[in-house]
Amino acid sequence: MKPFAFEDLPNILGTLVMRVESIERMVKQIRDNKPPEDFDPGLMTILEASKLVNLSVATIYSKVCRKEMPANKKGKKLYFIRSELLEWIKSGRIKTMSEMQREADQRFNK
């Protein structure tokens, strides 16, 4: 980025104002547009699911094929429900030693 001269400031400021106004118009358009009635914010594509669970698309396809991961298929496309993916992640939780000890104590005390 080259240094600007004092004489360039009016042009730079004018450009910045125009860009900010353009951004404000875009934000207003996005804010005013309502999602379609059948839009489900919990429904995700495979790319969105990939980002959520931090796995590659290929790994997700493999896990769905082996029925290791919850998914919905419509035609040739896979869809995922956010809450189901979060539950799937939580189901793989590894217990701590103290939790396992508590469970063992509860079983022996019964």
N, C-alpha and C. Protein backbone atom coordinates (compact mmCIF):
# COMPACT_ATOMS: atom_id res chain seq x y z
N MET A 1 0.85 -1.18 0.00
CA MET A 1 0.00 0.00 0.00
C MET A 1 0.89 1.23 0.00
N LYS A 2 0.65 2.13 -0.94
CA LYS A 2 1.49 3.32 -1.04
C LYS A 2 1.02 4.39 -0.05
N PRO A 3 1.93 5.21 0.42
CA PRO A 3 1.52 6.30 1.32
C PRO A 3 0.73 7.35 0.54
N PHE A 4 -0.22 7.96 1.22
CA PHE A 4 -1.07 8.96 0.59
C PHE A 4 -0.61 10.35 0.98
N ALA A 5 -0.80 11.27 0.07
CA ALA A 5 -0.48 12.67 0.33
C ALA A 5 -1.71 13.34 0.94
N PHE A 6 -1.48 14.45 1.58
CA PHE A 6 -2.56 15.20 2.21
C PHE A 6 -3.62 15.60 1.19
N GLU A 7 -3.19 15.90 -0.04
CA GLU A 7 -4.11 16.32 -1.08
C GLU A 7 -5.05 15.18 -1.50
N ASP A 8 -4.63 13.92 -1.26
CA ASP A 8 -5.44 12.76 -1.64
C ASP A 8 -6.58 12.48 -0.66
N LEU A 9 -6.54 13.07 0.52
CA LEU A 9 -7.53 12.77 1.56
C LEU A 9 -8.98 12.99 1.14
N PRO A 10 -9.34 14.05 0.46
CA PRO A 10 -10.75 14.20 0.06
C PRO A 10 -11.23 13.05 -0.83
N ASN A 11 -10.41 12.65 -1.78
CA ASN A 11 -10.81 11.53 -2.66
C ASN A 11 -10.92 10.24 -1.86
N ILE A 12 -9.97 9.99 -0.98
CA ILE A 12 -9.97 8.77 -0.17
C ILE A 12 -11.20 8.75 0.73
N LEU A 13 -11.48 9.88 1.37
CA LEU A 13 -12.64 9.97 2.26
C LEU A 13 -13.93 9.76 1.48
N GLY A 14 -14.04 10.34 0.29
CA GLY A 14 -15.23 10.16 -0.53
C GLY A 14 -15.43 8.69 -0.90
N THR A 15 -14.34 8.01 -1.26
CA THR A 15 -14.41 6.58 -1.59
C THR A 15 -14.85 5.77 -0.38
N LEU A 16 -14.29 6.07 0.77
CA LEU A 16 -14.66 5.35 1.99
C LEU A 16 -16.13 5.55 2.34
N VAL A 17 -16.62 6.75 2.22
CA VAL A 17 -18.04 7.04 2.51
C VAL A 17 -18.94 6.25 1.57
N MET A 18 -18.58 6.22 0.28
CA MET A 18 -19.39 5.47 -0.69
C MET A 18 -19.39 3.98 -0.35
N ARG A 19 -18.25 3.45 0.03
CA ARG A 19 -18.17 2.03 0.37
C ARG A 19 -18.98 1.71 1.62
N VAL A 20 -18.91 2.56 2.63
CA VAL A 20 -19.68 2.34 3.86
C VAL A 20 -21.18 2.38 3.55
N GLU A 21 -21.59 3.34 2.73
CA GLU A 21 -23.01 3.42 2.36
C GLU A 21 -23.45 2.16 1.61
N SER A 22 -22.60 1.67 0.74
CA SER A 22 -22.90 0.45 -0.01
C SER A 22 -23.05 -0.74 0.94
N ILE A 23 -22.16 -0.84 1.89
CA ILE A 23 -22.22 -1.92 2.88
C ILE A 23 -23.50 -1.81 3.70
N GLU A 24 -23.85 -0.59 4.11
CA GLU A 24 -25.08 -0.39 4.89
C GLU A 24 -26.31 -0.82 4.09
N ARG A 25 -26.35 -0.50 2.78
CA ARG A 25 -27.47 -0.92 1.94
C ARG A 25 -27.56 -2.44 1.87
N MET A 26 -26.41 -3.11 1.71
CA MET A 26 -26.40 -4.57 1.63
C MET A 26 -26.87 -5.19 2.94
N VAL A 27 -26.41 -4.65 4.06
CA VAL A 27 -26.82 -5.18 5.37
C VAL A 27 -28.31 -4.99 5.56
N LYS A 28 -28.83 -3.84 5.16
CA LYS A 28 -30.28 -3.58 5.28
C LYS A 28 -31.07 -4.57 4.42
N GLN A 29 -30.61 -4.84 3.20
CA GLN A 29 -31.29 -5.80 2.33
C GLN A 29 -31.30 -7.18 2.97
N ILE A 30 -30.16 -7.58 3.49
CA ILE A 30 -30.08 -8.90 4.13
C ILE A 30 -30.98 -8.96 5.34
N ARG A 31 -30.98 -7.91 6.14
CA ARG A 31 -31.80 -7.87 7.36
C ARG A 31 -33.28 -7.88 7.03
N ASP A 32 -33.67 -7.18 5.97
CA ASP A 32 -35.08 -7.07 5.61
C ASP A 32 -35.62 -8.32 4.92
N ASN A 33 -34.75 -9.07 4.27
CA ASN A 33 -35.20 -10.30 3.61
C ASN A 33 -35.48 -11.35 4.66
N LYS A 34 -36.69 -11.87 4.61
CA LYS A 34 -37.08 -12.93 5.55
C LYS A 34 -36.82 -14.26 4.87
N PRO A 35 -36.40 -15.27 5.65
CA PRO A 35 -36.20 -16.58 5.04
C PRO A 35 -37.54 -17.16 4.59
N PRO A 36 -37.53 -18.07 3.60
CA PRO A 36 -38.77 -18.71 3.16
C PRO A 36 -39.45 -19.44 4.31
N GLU A 37 -40.76 -19.61 4.20
CA GLU A 37 -41.52 -20.24 5.29
C GLU A 37 -41.05 -21.66 5.56
N ASP A 38 -40.63 -22.37 4.52
CA ASP A 38 -40.20 -23.74 4.72
C ASP A 38 -38.73 -23.85 5.10
N PHE A 39 -38.07 -22.72 5.32
CA PHE A 39 -36.67 -22.71 5.71
C PHE A 39 -36.51 -23.25 7.11
N ASP A 40 -35.63 -24.21 7.28
CA ASP A 40 -35.35 -24.81 8.59
C ASP A 40 -33.93 -24.47 8.98
N PRO A 41 -33.74 -23.61 9.98
CA PRO A 41 -32.38 -23.21 10.34
C PRO A 41 -31.55 -24.37 10.88
N GLY A 42 -32.19 -25.48 11.26
CA GLY A 42 -31.45 -26.62 11.76
C GLY A 42 -31.01 -27.56 10.66
N LEU A 43 -31.50 -27.35 9.44
CA LEU A 43 -31.16 -28.22 8.32
C LEU A 43 -29.84 -27.76 7.70
N MET A 44 -28.93 -28.71 7.49
CA MET A 44 -27.60 -28.36 7.01
C MET A 44 -27.21 -29.21 5.80
N THR A 45 -26.42 -28.63 4.92
CA THR A 45 -25.85 -29.38 3.81
C THR A 45 -24.62 -30.12 4.32
N ILE A 46 -24.05 -30.95 3.46
CA ILE A 46 -22.88 -31.71 3.88
C ILE A 46 -21.68 -30.79 4.14
N LEU A 47 -21.58 -29.69 3.41
CA LEU A 47 -20.48 -28.75 3.65
C LEU A 47 -20.62 -28.07 5.01
N GLU A 48 -21.85 -27.68 5.34
CA GLU A 48 -22.08 -27.06 6.65
C GLU A 48 -21.85 -28.06 7.77
N ALA A 49 -22.29 -29.30 7.57
CA ALA A 49 -22.07 -30.34 8.57
C ALA A 49 -20.59 -30.62 8.73
N SER A 50 -19.86 -30.59 7.63
CA SER A 50 -18.42 -30.82 7.66
C SER A 50 -17.73 -29.78 8.54
N LYS A 51 -18.15 -28.54 8.42
CA LYS A 51 -17.57 -27.47 9.25
C LYS A 51 -17.96 -27.65 10.71
N LEU A 52 -19.21 -28.05 10.96
CA LEU A 52 -19.67 -28.20 12.34
C LEU A 52 -18.92 -29.30 13.07
N VAL A 53 -18.78 -30.47 12.44
CA VAL A 53 -18.16 -31.60 13.11
C VAL A 53 -16.66 -31.70 12.85
N ASN A 54 -16.14 -30.78 12.03
CA ASN A 54 -14.71 -30.71 11.73
C ASN A 54 -14.19 -32.01 11.11
N LEU A 55 -14.94 -32.54 10.15
CA LEU A 55 -14.54 -33.72 9.40
C LEU A 55 -14.61 -33.39 7.91
N SER A 56 -13.82 -34.09 7.12
CA SER A 56 -13.86 -33.85 5.68
C SER A 56 -15.17 -34.40 5.12
N VAL A 57 -15.53 -33.92 3.96
CA VAL A 57 -16.75 -34.38 3.29
C VAL A 57 -16.64 -35.88 3.00
N ALA A 58 -15.48 -36.32 2.57
CA ALA A 58 -15.29 -37.74 2.27
C ALA A 58 -15.49 -38.60 3.52
N THR A 59 -14.99 -38.14 4.66
CA THR A 59 -15.16 -38.88 5.91
C THR A 59 -16.63 -38.94 6.29
N ILE A 60 -17.34 -37.86 6.09
CA ILE A 60 -18.77 -37.84 6.40
C ILE A 60 -19.52 -38.84 5.52
N TYR A 61 -19.21 -38.84 4.22
CA TYR A 61 -19.85 -39.81 3.32
C TYR A 61 -19.58 -41.24 3.81
N SER A 62 -18.35 -41.51 4.22
CA SER A 62 -18.01 -42.85 4.71
C SER A 62 -18.80 -43.21 5.96
N LYS A 63 -18.88 -42.28 6.90
CA LYS A 63 -19.59 -42.54 8.15
C LYS A 63 -21.09 -42.74 7.91
N VAL A 64 -21.66 -41.97 6.99
CA VAL A 64 -23.08 -42.12 6.68
C VAL A 64 -23.31 -43.46 6.00
N CYS A 65 -22.42 -43.84 5.10
CA CYS A 65 -22.55 -45.12 4.40
C CYS A 65 -22.50 -46.30 5.37
N ARG A 66 -21.65 -46.19 6.41
CA ARG A 66 -21.53 -47.25 7.42
C ARG A 66 -22.57 -47.09 8.55
N LYS A 67 -23.46 -46.11 8.38
CA LYS A 67 -24.53 -45.82 9.36
C LYS A 67 -23.96 -45.48 10.74
N GLU A 68 -22.85 -44.76 10.75
CA GLU A 68 -22.23 -44.32 11.98
C GLU A 68 -22.62 -42.89 12.34
N MET A 69 -23.25 -42.21 11.39
CA MET A 69 -23.56 -40.79 11.58
C MET A 69 -24.98 -40.54 11.09
N PRO A 70 -25.79 -39.77 11.84
CA PRO A 70 -27.17 -39.52 11.42
C PRO A 70 -27.22 -38.59 10.20
N ALA A 71 -28.05 -38.96 9.23
CA ALA A 71 -28.20 -38.14 8.02
C ALA A 71 -29.56 -38.39 7.40
N ASN A 72 -29.96 -37.50 6.53
CA ASN A 72 -31.20 -37.63 5.77
C ASN A 72 -30.84 -37.52 4.30
N LYS A 73 -31.45 -38.35 3.49
CA LYS A 73 -31.14 -38.34 2.07
C LYS A 73 -32.39 -38.05 1.27
N LYS A 74 -32.29 -37.08 0.38
CA LYS A 74 -33.37 -36.73 -0.54
C LYS A 74 -32.77 -36.71 -1.92
N GLY A 75 -33.17 -37.67 -2.73
CA GLY A 75 -32.55 -37.80 -4.04
C GLY A 75 -31.10 -38.24 -3.87
N LYS A 76 -30.20 -37.48 -4.45
CA LYS A 76 -28.78 -37.81 -4.32
C LYS A 76 -28.08 -36.95 -3.27
N LYS A 77 -28.83 -36.09 -2.61
CA LYS A 77 -28.22 -35.16 -1.65
C LYS A 77 -28.42 -35.63 -0.22
N LEU A 78 -27.40 -35.36 0.59
CA LEU A 78 -27.48 -35.64 2.02
C LEU A 78 -27.77 -34.34 2.77
N TYR A 79 -28.61 -34.44 3.77
CA TYR A 79 -28.91 -33.31 4.64
C TYR A 79 -28.74 -33.76 6.09
N PHE A 80 -28.41 -32.82 6.94
CA PHE A 80 -28.17 -33.12 8.34
C PHE A 80 -28.96 -32.15 9.19
N ILE A 81 -29.40 -32.64 10.33
CA ILE A 81 -30.11 -31.80 11.28
C ILE A 81 -29.13 -31.45 12.39
N ARG A 82 -28.97 -30.16 12.61
CA ARG A 82 -27.95 -29.66 13.55
C ARG A 82 -28.06 -30.32 14.92
N SER A 83 -29.25 -30.39 15.47
CA SER A 83 -29.43 -30.96 16.81
C SER A 83 -29.02 -32.43 16.85
N GLU A 84 -29.31 -33.17 15.75
CA GLU A 84 -28.92 -34.59 15.70
C GLU A 84 -27.40 -34.73 15.65
N LEU A 85 -26.74 -33.84 14.91
CA LEU A 85 -25.28 -33.90 14.85
C LEU A 85 -24.66 -33.58 16.21
N LEU A 86 -25.23 -32.60 16.90
CA LEU A 86 -24.71 -32.25 18.22
C LEU A 86 -24.91 -33.40 19.20
N GLU A 87 -26.06 -34.08 19.13
CA GLU A 87 -26.30 -35.25 19.98
C GLU A 87 -25.34 -36.37 19.63
N TRP A 88 -25.06 -36.56 18.35
CA TRP A 88 -24.13 -37.58 17.89
C TRP A 88 -22.74 -37.31 18.45
N ILE A 89 -22.34 -36.05 18.45
CA ILE A 89 -21.03 -35.69 19.00
C ILE A 89 -21.01 -35.96 20.50
N LYS A 90 -22.07 -35.58 21.19
CA LYS A 90 -22.13 -35.77 22.65
C LYS A 90 -22.16 -37.24 23.02
N SER A 91 -22.72 -38.09 22.16
CA SER A 91 -22.82 -39.50 22.49
C SER A 91 -21.45 -40.17 22.54
N GLY A 92 -20.45 -39.56 21.95
CA GLY A 92 -19.11 -40.13 21.96
C GLY A 92 -18.25 -39.61 23.10
N ARG A 93 -18.86 -39.01 24.08
CA ARG A 93 -18.11 -38.42 25.19
C ARG A 93 -17.39 -39.49 25.99
N ILE A 94 -16.14 -39.23 26.32
CA ILE A 94 -15.34 -40.14 27.13
C ILE A 94 -15.46 -39.70 28.58
N LYS A 95 -15.80 -40.64 29.45
CA LYS A 95 -16.00 -40.31 30.86
C LYS A 95 -14.66 -40.12 31.57
N THR A 96 -14.68 -39.27 32.58
CA THR A 96 -13.49 -39.05 33.39
C THR A 96 -13.36 -40.18 34.41
N MET A 97 -12.19 -40.30 35.00
CA MET A 97 -11.96 -41.34 36.01
C MET A 97 -12.91 -41.17 37.19
N SER A 98 -13.15 -39.93 37.61
CA SER A 98 -14.03 -39.70 38.75
C SER A 98 -15.47 -40.10 38.42
N GLU A 99 -15.92 -39.87 37.19
CA GLU A 99 -17.27 -40.28 36.78
C GLU A 99 -17.38 -41.81 36.77
N MET A 100 -16.36 -42.48 36.26
CA MET A 100 -16.38 -43.94 36.24
C MET A 100 -16.35 -44.50 37.67
N GLN A 101 -15.59 -43.85 38.56
CA GLN A 101 -15.52 -44.29 39.95
C GLN A 101 -16.88 -44.12 40.63
N ARG A 102 -17.55 -42.98 40.37
CA ARG A 102 -18.87 -42.74 40.93
C ARG A 102 -19.87 -43.78 40.46
N GLU A 103 -19.83 -44.12 39.17
CA GLU A 103 -20.74 -45.13 38.64
C GLU A 103 -20.47 -46.50 39.27
N ALA A 104 -19.20 -46.83 39.45
CA ALA A 104 -18.85 -48.10 40.05
C ALA A 104 -19.33 -48.14 41.50
N ASP A 105 -19.14 -47.05 42.23
CA ASP A 105 -19.60 -46.98 43.62
C ASP A 105 -21.12 -47.12 43.71
N GLN A 106 -21.83 -46.48 42.79
CA GLN A 106 -23.29 -46.57 42.79
C GLN A 106 -23.76 -48.00 42.52
N ARG A 107 -23.09 -48.69 41.62
CA ARG A 107 -23.47 -50.07 41.29
C ARG A 107 -23.21 -51.01 42.46
N PHE A 108 -22.09 -50.82 43.14
CA PHE A 108 -21.77 -51.70 44.26
C PHE A 108 -22.60 -51.41 45.49
N ASN A 109 -23.07 -50.18 45.63
CA ASN A 109 -23.90 -49.79 46.78
C ASN A 109 -25.34 -50.28 46.65
N LYS A 110 -25.76 -50.66 45.45
CA LYS A 110 -27.14 -51.12 45.25
C LYS A 110 -27.31 -52.55 45.66
